[in-house]
Amino acid sequence: MITIEDVKAFLDQFNIKAEVFGIHFRDDRQKNEDTLRLLNITPFQREVIVKSLLPQDYVEGPVIDVLNMEKEMWVFGKDVKGREVYIKITLGYENGQTICISFHIAEYPLAYPFK
């Protein structure tokens, strides 16, 4: 069972790695790109939002990235301009960028175990 301390440790690790290597955003996914326009936020603002995630924003994880057979993914939710945004992130490859796989308006209500 995941504890709030586990989530904090992951976010700390994610943010340290993001400071060194940056965050790769999956802008090839249409719903991610559409969300920026719909919410009228810039890519920089999106990055600030991802870096500001708190353990209380945790939804689920870690889940295995079946598509890429790689790192574990963690899911968070964040209120952005009155809309619930679904955010899925991973540490990515060793010595490489962290990855934000999903950053889009939630398609269903999210449950926050630590709120």
PDB file of N, CA and C in Angstrom:
ATOM      1  N   MET A   1       0.845  -1.189   0.000  1.00  0.00           N
ATOM      2  CA  MET A   1       0.000   0.000   0.000  1.00  0.00           C
ATOM      3  C   MET A   1       0.889   1.251   0.000  1.00  0.00           C
ATOM      4  N   ILE A   2       0.551   2.179  -0.844  1.00  0.00           N
ATOM      5  CA  ILE A   2       1.316   3.417  -0.984  1.00  0.00           C
ATOM      6  C   ILE A   2       0.969   4.372   0.163  1.00  0.00           C
ATOM      7  N   THR A   3       1.996   4.969   0.725  1.00  0.00           N
ATOM      8  CA  THR A   3       1.799   5.954   1.786  1.00  0.00           C
ATOM      9  C   THR A   3       2.056   7.352   1.233  1.00  0.00           C
ATOM     10  N   ILE A   4       1.633   8.338   1.959  1.00  0.00           N
ATOM     11  CA  ILE A   4       1.883   9.718   1.545  1.00  0.00           C
ATOM     12  C   ILE A   4       3.389   9.997   1.495  1.00  0.00           C
ATOM     13  N   GLU A   5       4.145   9.315   2.342  1.00  0.00           N
ATOM     14  CA  GLU A   5       5.612   9.461   2.326  1.00  0.00           C
ATOM     15  C   GLU A   5       6.201   8.893   1.029  1.00  0.00           C
ATOM     16  N   ASP A   6       5.629   7.794   0.523  1.00  0.00           N
ATOM     17  CA  ASP A   6       6.069   7.226  -0.756  1.00  0.00           C
ATOM     18  C   ASP A   6       5.840   8.222  -1.890  1.00  0.00           C
ATOM     19  N   VAL A   7       4.686   8.857  -1.866  1.00  0.00           N
ATOM     20  CA  VAL A   7       4.350   9.827  -2.911  1.00  0.00           C
ATOM     21  C   VAL A   7       5.286  11.029  -2.817  1.00  0.00           C
ATOM     22  N   LYS A   8       5.526  11.500  -1.610  1.00  0.00           N
ATOM     23  CA  LYS A   8       6.453  12.627  -1.436  1.00  0.00           C
ATOM     24  C   LYS A   8       7.842  12.269  -1.950  1.00  0.00           C
ATOM     25  N   ALA A   9       8.307  11.064  -1.639  1.00  0.00           N
ATOM     26  CA  ALA A   9       9.631  10.628  -2.101  1.00  0.00           C
ATOM     27  C   ALA A   9       9.689  10.589  -3.623  1.00  0.00           C
ATOM     28  N   PHE A  10       8.625  10.090  -4.265  1.00  0.00           N
ATOM     29  CA  PHE A  10       8.601  10.072  -5.728  1.00  0.00           C
ATOM     30  C   PHE A  10       8.639  11.490  -6.290  1.00  0.00           C
ATOM     31  N   LEU A  11       7.805  12.375  -5.754  1.00  0.00           N
ATOM     32  CA  LEU A  11       7.773  13.755  -6.260  1.00  0.00           C
ATOM     33  C   LEU A  11       9.109  14.458  -6.052  1.00  0.00           C
ATOM     34  N   ASP A  12       9.749  14.215  -4.919  1.00  0.00           N
ATOM     35  CA  ASP A  12      11.081  14.796  -4.687  1.00  0.00           C
ATOM     36  C   ASP A  12      12.066  14.307  -5.741  1.00  0.00           C
ATOM     37  N   GLN A  13      12.051  13.017  -5.995  1.00  0.00           N
ATOM     38  CA  GLN A  13      12.943  12.430  -6.998  1.00  0.00           C
ATOM     39  C   GLN A  13      12.620  12.982  -8.392  1.00  0.00           C
ATOM     40  N   PHE A  14      11.343  13.084  -8.715  1.00  0.00           N
ATOM     41  CA  PHE A  14      10.911  13.609 -10.017  1.00  0.00           C
ATOM     42  C   PHE A  14      11.404  15.043 -10.200  1.00  0.00           C
ATOM     43  N   ASN A  15      11.190  15.875  -9.192  1.00  0.00           N
ATOM     44  CA  ASN A  15      11.556  17.288  -9.307  1.00  0.00           C
ATOM     45  C   ASN A  15      13.065  17.501  -9.373  1.00  0.00           C
ATOM     46  N   ILE A  16      13.831  16.713  -8.636  1.00  0.00           N
ATOM     47  CA  ILE A  16      15.291  16.817  -8.715  1.00  0.00           C
ATOM     48  C   ILE A  16      15.758  16.437 -10.115  1.00  0.00           C
ATOM     49  N   LYS A  17      15.240  15.337 -10.629  1.00  0.00           N
ATOM     50  CA  LYS A  17      15.632  14.897 -11.969  1.00  0.00           C
ATOM     51  C   LYS A  17      15.164  15.898 -13.023  1.00  0.00           C
ATOM     52  N   ALA A  18      13.971  16.459 -12.850  1.00  0.00           N
ATOM     53  CA  ALA A  18      13.455  17.450 -13.805  1.00  0.00           C
ATOM     54  C   ALA A  18      14.331  18.704 -13.825  1.00  0.00           C
ATOM     55  N   GLU A  19      14.875  19.073 -12.686  1.00  0.00           N
ATOM     56  CA  GLU A  19      15.763  20.239 -12.641  1.00  0.00           C
ATOM     57  C   GLU A  19      17.044  19.993 -13.428  1.00  0.00           C
ATOM     58  N   VAL A  20      17.529  18.765 -13.405  1.00  0.00           N
ATOM     59  CA  VAL A  20      18.769  18.424 -14.091  1.00  0.00           C
ATOM     60  C   VAL A  20      18.526  18.179 -15.587  1.00  0.00           C
ATOM     61  N   PHE A  21      17.517  17.363 -15.912  1.00  0.00           N
ATOM     62  CA  PHE A  21      17.315  16.912 -17.287  1.00  0.00           C
ATOM     63  C   PHE A  21      16.108  17.542 -17.986  1.00  0.00           C
ATOM     64  N   GLY A  22      15.221  18.186 -17.219  1.00  0.00           N
ATOM     65  CA  GLY A  22      14.021  18.762 -17.813  1.00  0.00           C
ATOM     66  C   GLY A  22      12.879  17.754 -17.867  1.00  0.00           C
ATOM     67  N   ILE A  23      11.752  18.225 -18.387  1.00  0.00           N
ATOM     68  CA  ILE A  23      10.561  17.388 -18.530  1.00  0.00           C
ATOM     69  C   ILE A  23      10.208  17.324 -20.014  1.00  0.00           C
ATOM     70  N   HIS A  24      10.033  16.115 -20.513  1.00  0.00           N
ATOM     71  CA  HIS A  24       9.549  15.923 -21.881  1.00  0.00           C
ATOM     72  C   HIS A  24       8.033  15.784 -21.808  1.00  0.00           C
ATOM     73  N   PHE A  25       7.317  16.673 -22.478  1.00  0.00           N
ATOM     74  CA  PHE A  25       5.862  16.624 -22.501  1.00  0.00           C
ATOM     75  C   PHE A  25       5.408  15.952 -23.785  1.00  0.00           C
ATOM     76  N   ARG A  26       4.486  15.019 -23.677  1.00  0.00           N
ATOM     77  CA  ARG A  26       3.976  14.283 -24.827  1.00  0.00           C
ATOM     78  C   ARG A  26       2.975  15.144 -25.592  1.00  0.00           C
ATOM     79  N   ASP A  27       3.483  16.115 -26.307  1.00  0.00           N
ATOM     80  CA  ASP A  27       2.626  17.003 -27.089  1.00  0.00           C
ATOM     81  C   ASP A  27       2.149  16.355 -28.376  1.00  0.00           C
ATOM     82  N   ASP A  28       2.596  15.137 -28.646  1.00  0.00           N
ATOM     83  CA  ASP A  28       2.097  14.410 -29.803  1.00  0.00           C
ATOM     84  C   ASP A  28       0.714  13.817 -29.529  1.00  0.00           C
ATOM     85  N   ARG A  29       0.256  13.925 -28.311  1.00  0.00           N
ATOM     86  CA  ARG A  29      -1.084  13.440 -27.953  1.00  0.00           C
ATOM     87  C   ARG A  29      -2.050  14.619 -28.033  1.00  0.00           C
ATOM     88  N   GLN A  30      -3.029  14.528 -28.913  1.00  0.00           N
ATOM     89  CA  GLN A  30      -3.919  15.645 -29.220  1.00  0.00           C
ATOM     90  C   GLN A  30      -4.622  16.197 -27.989  1.00  0.00           C
ATOM     91  N   LYS A  31      -5.098  15.331 -27.102  1.00  0.00           N
ATOM     92  CA  LYS A  31      -5.842  15.845 -25.950  1.00  0.00           C
ATOM     93  C   LYS A  31      -4.945  16.645 -25.014  1.00  0.00           C
ATOM     94  N   ASN A  32      -3.642  16.332 -24.974  1.00  0.00           N
ATOM     95  CA  ASN A  32      -2.717  17.139 -24.171  1.00  0.00           C
ATOM     96  C   ASN A  32      -2.591  18.536 -24.770  1.00  0.00           C
ATOM     97  N   GLU A  33      -2.420  18.600 -26.078  1.00  0.00           N
ATOM     98  CA  GLU A  33      -2.296  19.886 -26.765  1.00  0.00           C
ATOM     99  C   GLU A  33      -3.591  20.687 -26.667  1.00  0.00           C
ATOM    100  N   ASP A  34      -4.727  20.009 -26.835  1.00  0.00           N
ATOM    101  CA  ASP A  34      -6.027  20.687 -26.763  1.00  0.00           C
ATOM    102  C   ASP A  34      -6.258  21.324 -25.400  1.00  0.00           C
ATOM    103  N   THR A  35      -5.774  20.679 -24.341  1.00  0.00           N
ATOM    104  CA  THR A  35      -5.975  21.196 -22.985  1.00  0.00           C
ATOM    105  C   THR A  35      -5.274  22.531 -22.791  1.00  0.00           C
ATOM    106  N   LEU A  36      -4.079  22.684 -23.349  1.00  0.00           N
ATOM    107  CA  LEU A  36      -3.378  23.970 -23.234  1.00  0.00           C
ATOM    108  C   LEU A  36      -4.219  25.083 -23.841  1.00  0.00           C
ATOM    109  N   ARG A  37      -4.768  24.825 -25.010  1.00  0.00           N
ATOM    110  CA  ARG A  37      -5.602  25.847 -25.673  1.00  0.00           C
ATOM    111  C   ARG A  37      -6.886  26.108 -24.891  1.00  0.00           C
ATOM    112  N   LEU A  38      -7.543  25.035 -24.478  1.00  0.00           N
ATOM    113  CA  LEU A  38      -8.815  25.167 -23.780  1.00  0.00           C
ATOM    114  C   LEU A  38      -8.664  25.945 -22.468  1.00  0.00           C
ATOM    115  N   LEU A  39      -7.583  25.670 -21.742  1.00  0.00           N
ATOM    116  CA  LEU A  39      -7.350  26.348 -20.462  1.00  0.00           C
ATOM    117  C   LEU A  39      -6.585  27.658 -20.627  1.00  0.00           C
ATOM    118  N   ASN A  40      -6.146  27.919 -21.860  1.00  0.00           N
ATOM    119  CA  ASN A  40      -5.394  29.136 -22.158  1.00  0.00           C
ATOM    120  C   ASN A  40      -4.156  29.257 -21.260  1.00  0.00           C
ATOM    121  N   ILE A  41      -3.363  28.170 -21.251  1.00  0.00           N
ATOM    122  CA  ILE A  41      -2.103  28.189 -20.496  1.00  0.00           C
ATOM    123  C   ILE A  41      -0.951  27.899 -21.463  1.00  0.00           C
ATOM    124  N   THR A  42       0.211  28.393 -21.111  1.00  0.00           N
ATOM    125  CA  THR A  42       1.397  28.210 -21.938  1.00  0.00           C
ATOM    126  C   THR A  42       2.124  26.920 -21.527  1.00  0.00           C
ATOM    127  N   PRO A  43       3.006  26.432 -22.377  1.00  0.00           N
ATOM    128  CA  PRO A  43       3.821  25.281 -21.966  1.00  0.00           C
ATOM    129  C   PRO A  43       4.616  25.554 -20.688  1.00  0.00           C
ATOM    130  N   PHE A  44       5.089  26.790 -20.495  1.00  0.00           N
ATOM    131  CA  PHE A  44       5.809  27.122 -19.269  1.00  0.00           C
ATOM    132  C   PHE A  44       4.890  26.998 -18.052  1.00  0.00           C
ATOM    133  N   GLN A  45       3.656  27.495 -18.169  1.00  0.00           N
ATOM    134  CA  GLN A  45       2.711  27.391 -17.056  1.00  0.00           C
ATOM    135  C   GLN A  45       2.412  25.926 -16.739  1.00  0.00           C
ATOM    136  N   ARG A  46       2.301  25.111 -17.775  1.00  0.00           N
ATOM    137  CA  ARG A  46       2.074  23.675 -17.579  1.00  0.00           C
ATOM    138  C   ARG A  46       3.233  23.065 -16.786  1.00  0.00           C
ATOM    139  N   GLU A  47       4.447  23.450 -17.129  1.00  0.00           N
ATOM    140  CA  GLU A  47       5.618  22.923 -16.420  1.00  0.00           C
ATOM    141  C   GLU A  47       5.593  23.336 -14.953  1.00  0.00           C
ATOM    142  N   VAL A  48       5.231  24.571 -14.685  1.00  0.00           N
ATOM    143  CA  VAL A  48       5.129  25.056 -13.303  1.00  0.00           C
ATOM    144  C   VAL A  48       4.083  24.237 -12.540  1.00  0.00           C
ATOM    145  N   ILE A  49       2.963  23.943 -13.183  1.00  0.00           N
ATOM    146  CA  ILE A  49       1.900  23.159 -12.546  1.00  0.00           C
ATOM    147  C   ILE A  49       2.413  21.764 -12.196  1.00  0.00           C
ATOM    148  N   VAL A  50       3.093  21.116 -13.135  1.00  0.00           N
ATOM    149  CA  VAL A  50       3.609  19.762 -12.891  1.00  0.00           C
ATOM    150  C   VAL A  50       4.632  19.788 -11.752  1.00  0.00           C
ATOM    151  N   LYS A  51       5.497  20.780 -11.739  1.00  0.00           N
ATOM    152  CA  LYS A  51       6.513  20.863 -10.682  1.00  0.00           C
ATOM    153  C   LYS A  51       5.912  21.227  -9.327  1.00  0.00           C
ATOM    154  N   SER A  52       4.675  21.717  -9.314  1.00  0.00           N
ATOM    155  CA  SER A  52       4.040  22.109  -8.050  1.00  0.00           C
ATOM    156  C   SER A  52       3.159  21.010  -7.463  1.00  0.00           C
ATOM    157  N   LEU A  53       3.166  19.836  -8.079  1.00  0.00           N
ATOM    158  CA  LEU A  53       2.337  18.748  -7.553  1.00  0.00           C
ATOM    159  C   LEU A  53       2.709  18.429  -6.110  1.00  0.00           C
ATOM    160  N   LEU A  54       1.692  18.138  -5.328  1.00  0.00           N
ATOM    161  CA  LEU A  54       1.849  17.790  -3.914  1.00  0.00           C
ATOM    162  C   LEU A  54       1.389  16.355  -3.683  1.00  0.00           C
ATOM    163  N   PRO A  55       1.838  15.735  -2.599  1.00  0.00           N
ATOM    164  CA  PRO A  55       1.349  14.387  -2.297  1.00  0.00           C
ATOM    165  C   PRO A  55      -0.184  14.307  -2.232  1.00  0.00           C
ATOM    166  N   GLN A  56      -0.826  15.383  -1.823  1.00  0.00           N
ATOM    167  CA  GLN A  56      -2.286  15.398  -1.743  1.00  0.00           C
ATOM    168  C   GLN A  56      -2.948  15.345  -3.125  1.00  0.00           C
ATOM    169  N   ASP A  57      -2.189  15.631  -4.182  1.00  0.00           N
ATOM    170  CA  ASP A  57      -2.707  15.577  -5.552  1.00  0.00           C
ATOM    171  C   ASP A  57      -2.650  14.166  -6.127  1.00  0.00           C
ATOM    172  N   TYR A  58      -2.075  13.231  -5.381  1.00  0.00           N
ATOM    173  CA  TYR A  58      -1.910  11.847  -5.830  1.00  0.00           C
ATOM    174  C   TYR A  58      -3.257  11.188  -6.089  1.00  0.00           C
ATOM    175  N   VAL A  59      -3.321  10.431  -7.192  1.00  0.00           N
ATOM    176  CA  VAL A  59      -4.520   9.666  -7.543  1.00  0.00           C
ATOM    177  C   VAL A  59      -4.221   8.171  -7.519  1.00  0.00           C
ATOM    178  N   GLU A  60      -3.177   7.733  -8.241  1.00  0.00           N
ATOM    179  CA  GLU A  60      -2.820   6.314  -8.227  1.00  0.00           C
ATOM    180  C   GLU A  60      -1.386   6.110  -8.696  1.00  0.00           C
ATOM    181  N   GLY A  61      -0.900   4.937  -8.406  1.00  0.00           N
ATOM    182  CA  GLY A  61       0.441   4.583  -8.852  1.00  0.00           C
ATOM    183  C   GLY A  61       1.248   4.029  -7.696  1.00  0.00           C
ATOM    184  N   PRO A  62       2.377   3.500  -8.022  1.00  0.00           N
ATOM    185  CA  PRO A  62       2.885   3.410  -9.388  1.00  0.00           C
ATOM    186  C   PRO A  62       2.189   2.311 -10.183  1.00  0.00           C
ATOM    187  N   VAL A  63       1.977   2.592 -11.471  1.00  0.00           N
ATOM    188  CA  VAL A  63       1.450   1.597 -12.399  1.00  0.00           C
ATOM    189  C   VAL A  63       2.507   1.368 -13.475  1.00  0.00           C
ATOM    190  N   ILE A  64       2.571   0.164 -13.968  1.00  0.00           N
ATOM    191  CA  ILE A  64       3.577  -0.185 -14.968  1.00  0.00           C
ATOM    192  C   ILE A  64       3.188   0.405 -16.323  1.00  0.00           C
ATOM    193  N   ASP A  65       4.162   0.981 -16.997  1.00  0.00           N
ATOM    194  CA  ASP A  65       3.984   1.525 -18.340  1.00  0.00           C
ATOM    195  C   ASP A  65       4.015   0.357 -19.323  1.00  0.00           C
ATOM    196  N   VAL A  66       2.846  -0.240 -19.578  1.00  0.00           N
ATOM    197  CA  VAL A  66       2.744  -1.421 -20.433  1.00  0.00           C
ATOM    198  C   VAL A  66       3.124  -1.079 -21.877  1.00  0.00           C
ATOM    199  N   LEU A  67       2.754   0.097 -22.332  1.00  0.00           N
ATOM    200  CA  LEU A  67       3.018   0.499 -23.708  1.00  0.00           C
ATOM    201  C   LEU A  67       4.512   0.527 -24.011  1.00  0.00           C
ATOM    202  N   ASN A  68       5.295   1.131 -23.120  1.00  0.00           N
ATOM    203  CA  ASN A  68       6.728   1.260 -23.352  1.00  0.00           C
ATOM    204  C   ASN A  68       7.569   0.252 -22.570  1.00  0.00           C
ATOM    205  N   MET A  69       6.906  -0.552 -21.728  1.00  0.00           N
ATOM    206  CA  MET A  69       7.609  -1.545 -20.914  1.00  0.00           C
ATOM    207  C   MET A  69       8.796  -0.911 -20.184  1.00  0.00           C
ATOM    208  N   GLU A  70       8.566   0.235 -19.631  1.00  0.00           N
ATOM    209  CA  GLU A  70       9.659   0.978 -19.009  1.00  0.00           C
ATOM    210  C   GLU A  70       9.299   1.324 -17.571  1.00  0.00           C
ATOM    211  N   LYS A  71       9.508   2.541 -17.193  1.00  0.00           N
ATOM    212  CA  LYS A  71       9.370   2.989 -15.805  1.00  0.00           C
ATOM    213  C   LYS A  71       7.920   2.974 -15.315  1.00  0.00           C
ATOM    214  N   GLU A  72       7.797   3.111 -14.031  1.00  0.00           N
ATOM    215  CA  GLU A  72       6.490   3.207 -13.403  1.00  0.00           C
ATOM    216  C   GLU A  72       5.901   4.591 -13.653  1.00  0.00           C
ATOM    217  N   MET A  73       4.591   4.626 -13.812  1.00  0.00           N
ATOM    218  CA  MET A  73       3.883   5.892 -13.996  1.00  0.00           C
ATOM    219  C   MET A  73       3.084   6.195 -12.732  1.00  0.00           C
ATOM    220  N   TRP A  74       2.982   7.481 -12.444  1.00  0.00           N
ATOM    221  CA  TRP A  74       2.212   7.937 -11.302  1.00  0.00           C
ATOM    222  C   TRP A  74       1.170   8.930 -11.806  1.00  0.00           C
ATOM    223  N   VAL A  75      -0.031   8.856 -11.251  1.00  0.00           N
ATOM    224  CA  VAL A  75      -1.138   9.698 -11.693  1.00  0.00           C
ATOM    225  C   VAL A  75      -1.493  10.698 -10.591  1.00  0.00           C
ATOM    226  N   PHE A  76      -1.686  11.935 -11.022  1.00  0.00           N
ATOM    227  CA  PHE A  76      -2.061  13.025 -10.127  1.00  0.00           C
ATOM    228  C   PHE A  76      -3.203  13.807 -10.767  1.00  0.00           C
ATOM    229  N   GLY A  77      -3.860  14.593  -9.957  1.00  0.00           N
ATOM    230  CA  GLY A  77      -4.890  15.490 -10.459  1.00  0.00           C
ATOM    231  C   GLY A  77      -4.657  16.863  -9.870  1.00  0.00           C
ATOM    232  N   LYS A  78      -5.004  17.874 -10.635  1.00  0.00           N
ATOM    233  CA  LYS A  78      -4.777  19.248 -10.172  1.00  0.00           C
ATOM    234  C   LYS A  78      -5.885  20.122 -10.722  1.00  0.00           C
ATOM    235  N   ASP A  79      -6.390  21.022  -9.888  1.00  0.00           N
ATOM    236  CA  ASP A  79      -7.351  22.007 -10.360  1.00  0.00           C
ATOM    237  C   ASP A  79      -6.584  23.103 -11.099  1.00  0.00           C
ATOM    238  N   VAL A  80      -6.935  23.300 -12.346  1.00  0.00           N
ATOM    239  CA  VAL A  80      -6.324  24.346 -13.160  1.00  0.00           C
ATOM    240  C   VAL A  80      -7.460  25.177 -13.743  1.00  0.00           C
ATOM    241  N   LYS A  81      -7.550  26.406 -13.292  1.00  0.00           N
ATOM    242  CA  LYS A  81      -8.587  27.317 -13.766  1.00  0.00           C
ATOM    243  C   LYS A  81      -9.985  26.709 -13.648  1.00  0.00           C
ATOM    244  N   GLY A  82     -10.210  26.037 -12.525  1.00  0.00           N
ATOM    245  CA  GLY A  82     -11.531  25.474 -12.253  1.00  0.00           C
ATOM    246  C   GLY A  82     -11.824  24.159 -12.945  1.00  0.00           C
ATOM    247  N   ARG A  83     -10.846  23.586 -13.610  1.00  0.00           N
ATOM    248  CA  ARG A  83     -11.021  22.291 -14.287  1.00  0.00           C
ATOM    249  C   ARG A  83     -10.064  21.269 -13.682  1.00  0.00           C
ATOM    250  N   GLU A  84     -10.554  20.061 -13.506  1.00  0.00           N
ATOM    251  CA  GLU A  84      -9.712  19.000 -12.975  1.00  0.00           C
ATOM    252  C   GLU A  84      -8.848  18.453 -14.112  1.00  0.00           C
ATOM    253  N   VAL A  85      -7.524  18.495 -13.911  1.00  0.00           N
ATOM    254  CA  VAL A  85      -6.588  18.043 -14.931  1.00  0.00           C
ATOM    255  C   VAL A  85      -5.931  16.738 -14.474  1.00  0.00           C
ATOM    256  N   TYR A  86      -5.924  15.775 -15.382  1.00  0.00           N
ATOM    257  CA  TYR A  86      -5.325  14.463 -15.177  1.00  0.00           C
ATOM    258  C   TYR A  86      -3.866  14.555 -15.619  1.00  0.00           C
ATOM    259  N   ILE A  87      -2.946  14.217 -14.709  1.00  0.00           N
ATOM    260  CA  ILE A  87      -1.513  14.337 -14.982  1.00  0.00           C
ATOM    261  C   ILE A  87      -0.849  13.000 -14.691  1.00  0.00           C
ATOM    262  N   LYS A  88      -0.213  12.427 -15.716  1.00  0.00           N
ATOM    263  CA  LYS A  88       0.494  11.159 -15.554  1.00  0.00           C
ATOM    264  C   LYS A  88       1.968  11.409 -15.855  1.00  0.00           C
ATOM    265  N   ILE A  89       2.835  11.081 -14.878  1.00  0.00           N
ATOM    266  CA  ILE A  89       4.264  11.360 -15.023  1.00  0.00           C
ATOM    267  C   ILE A  89       5.088  10.119 -14.695  1.00  0.00           C
ATOM    268  N   THR A  90       6.314  10.133 -15.202  1.00  0.00           N
ATOM    269  CA  THR A  90       7.259   9.062 -14.937  1.00  0.00           C
ATOM    270  C   THR A  90       8.662   9.647 -14.859  1.00  0.00           C
ATOM    271  N   LEU A  91       9.549   8.918 -14.218  1.00  0.00           N
ATOM    272  CA  LEU A  91      10.937   9.376 -14.129  1.00  0.00           C
ATOM    273  C   LEU A  91      11.668   9.246 -15.457  1.00  0.00           C
ATOM    274  N   GLY A  92      11.129   8.483 -16.390  1.00  0.00           N
ATOM    275  CA  GLY A  92      11.778   8.324 -17.684  1.00  0.00           C
ATOM    276  C   GLY A  92      13.008   7.440 -17.584  1.00  0.00           C
ATOM    277  N   TYR A  93      13.821   7.508 -18.628  1.00  0.00           N
ATOM    278  CA  TYR A  93      15.016   6.673 -18.688  1.00  0.00           C
ATOM    279  C   TYR A  93      16.114   7.232 -17.799  1.00  0.00           C
ATOM    280  N   GLU A  94      17.026   6.362 -17.399  1.00  0.00           N
ATOM    281  CA  GLU A  94      18.164   6.781 -16.605  1.00  0.00           C
ATOM    282  C   GLU A  94      18.971   7.813 -17.388  1.00  0.00           C
ATOM    283  N   ASN A  95      19.411   8.860 -16.703  1.00  0.00           N
ATOM    284  CA  ASN A  95      20.185   9.947 -17.314  1.00  0.00           C
ATOM    285  C   ASN A  95      19.452  10.629 -18.469  1.00  0.00           C
ATOM    286  N   GLY A  96      18.137  10.702 -18.357  1.00  0.00           N
ATOM    287  CA  GLY A  96      17.326  11.373 -19.372  1.00  0.00           C
ATOM    288  C   GLY A  96      16.212  12.169 -18.722  1.00  0.00           C
ATOM    289  N   GLN A  97      15.440  12.816 -19.555  1.00  0.00           N
ATOM    290  CA  GLN A  97      14.353  13.656 -19.070  1.00  0.00           C
ATOM    291  C   GLN A  97      13.280  12.847 -18.350  1.00  0.00           C
ATOM    292  N   THR A  98      12.623  13.515 -17.412  1.00  0.00           N
ATOM    293  CA  THR A  98      11.394  12.973 -16.859  1.00  0.00           C
ATOM    294  C   THR A  98      10.347  13.119 -17.975  1.00  0.00           C
ATOM    295  N   ILE A  99       9.230  12.430 -17.842  1.00  0.00           N
ATOM    296  CA  ILE A  99       8.231  12.468 -18.900  1.00  0.00           C
ATOM    297  C   ILE A  99       6.857  12.752 -18.309  1.00  0.00           C
ATOM    298  N   CYS A 100       6.162  13.684 -18.942  1.00  0.00           N
ATOM    299  CA  CYS A 100       4.759  13.938 -18.624  1.00  0.00           C
ATOM    300  C   CYS A 100       3.963  13.329 -19.776  1.00  0.00           C
ATOM    301  N   ILE A 101       3.392  12.175 -19.540  1.00  0.00           N
ATOM    302  CA  ILE A 101       2.675  11.427 -20.565  1.00  0.00           C
ATOM    303  C   ILE A 101       1.309  12.056 -20.814  1.00  0.00           C
ATOM    304  N   SER A 102       0.647  12.437 -19.743  1.00  0.00           N
ATOM    305  CA  SER A 102      -0.699  13.012 -19.853  1.00  0.00           C
ATOM    306  C   SER A 102      -0.788  14.312 -19.086  1.00  0.00           C
ATOM    307  N   PHE A 103      -1.391  15.287 -19.713  1.00  0.00           N
ATOM    308  CA  PHE A 103      -1.740  16.547 -19.067  1.00  0.00           C
ATOM    309  C   PHE A 103      -2.978  17.022 -19.810  1.00  0.00           C
ATOM    310  N   HIS A 104      -4.129  16.536 -19.348  1.00  0.00           N
ATOM    311  CA  HIS A 104      -5.371  16.873 -20.040  1.00  0.00           C
ATOM    312  C   HIS A 104      -6.519  16.919 -19.047  1.00  0.00           C
ATOM    313  N   ILE A 105      -7.587  17.543 -19.463  1.00  0.00           N
ATOM    314  CA  ILE A 105      -8.772  17.619 -18.613  1.00  0.00           C
ATOM    315  C   ILE A 105      -9.232  16.194 -18.319  1.00  0.00           C
ATOM    316  N   ALA A 106      -9.512  15.938 -17.064  1.00  0.00           N
ATOM    317  CA  ALA A 106      -9.910  14.595 -16.638  1.00  0.00           C
ATOM    318  C   ALA A 106     -11.172  14.164 -17.366  1.00  0.00           C
ATOM    319  N   GLU A 107     -11.172  12.920 -17.799  1.00  0.00           N
ATOM    320  CA  GLU A 107     -12.314  12.366 -18.520  1.00  0.00           C
ATOM    321  C   GLU A 107     -13.340  11.770 -17.570  1.00  0.00           C
ATOM    322  N   TYR A 108     -12.974  11.641 -16.312  1.00  0.00           N
ATOM    323  CA  TYR A 108     -13.869  11.139 -15.272  1.00  0.00           C
ATOM    324  C   TYR A 108     -13.392  11.715 -13.944  1.00  0.00           C
ATOM    325  N   PRO A 109     -14.256  11.780 -12.923  1.00  0.00           N
ATOM    326  CA  PRO A 109     -13.828  12.330 -11.622  1.00  0.00           C
ATOM    327  C   PRO A 109     -12.701  11.496 -11.024  1.00  0.00           C
ATOM    328  N   LEU A 110     -11.717  12.171 -10.478  1.00  0.00           N
ATOM    329  CA  LEU A 110     -10.565  11.504  -9.878  1.00  0.00           C
ATOM    330  C   LEU A 110     -10.752  11.390  -8.370  1.00  0.00           C
ATOM    331  N   ALA A 111     -10.210  10.326  -7.807  1.00  0.00           N
ATOM    332  CA  ALA A 111     -10.268  10.114  -6.349  1.00  0.00           C
ATOM    333  C   ALA A 111      -8.876  10.366  -5.767  1.00  0.00           C
ATOM    334  N   TYR A 112      -8.829  11.125  -4.686  1.00  0.00           N
ATOM    335  CA  TYR A 112      -7.576  11.533  -4.062  1.00  0.00           C
ATOM    336  C   TYR A 112      -7.483  10.901  -2.682  1.00  0.00           C
ATOM    337  N   PRO A 113      -6.719   9.816  -2.520  1.00  0.00           N
ATOM    338  CA  PRO A 113      -6.682   9.131  -1.228  1.00  0.00           C
ATOM    339  C   PRO A 113      -6.100   9.938  -0.078  1.00  0.00           C
ATOM    340  N   PHE A 114      -5.309  10.980  -0.372  1.00  0.00           N
ATOM    341  CA  PHE A 114      -4.668  11.726   0.706  1.00  0.00           C
ATOM    342  C   PHE A 114      -5.258  13.118   0.910  1.00  0.00           C
ATOM    343  N   LYS A 115      -6.415  13.384   0.316  1.00  0.00           N
ATOM    344  CA  LYS A 115      -7.084  14.682   0.538  1.00  0.00           C
ATOM    345  C   LYS A 115      -8.168  14.509   1.567  1.00  0.00           C
TER     346      LYS A 115
END
